[in-house]
Amino acid sequence: MSKTTSQSLKSIVDQIFSQRRISRQVQRELMDILLSQPTLSNQDHATAQRVFDAIRQGQLRVID
């Protein structure tokens, strides 16, 4: 994953956790970043997994 893409991913994830919620639009942006890459670094994979785990555990609210 390129450095710019990793920075975009980190920026979005930081925003999500600071607000403790994720909108459908931000969720789509996150998925677009993740799916635009043929492979993810271990760090980027762990970052994305952290978001999905937090949603499943109810630590993040999904809003419209």
Foldseek 3Di string as FASTA:
>chain_A
DDPVLVVVLVVLLVVQLVVLEAEPVSVVVNVCSVVVDPDDDPVSVVSVVVVVVCVVVVSHYYHD
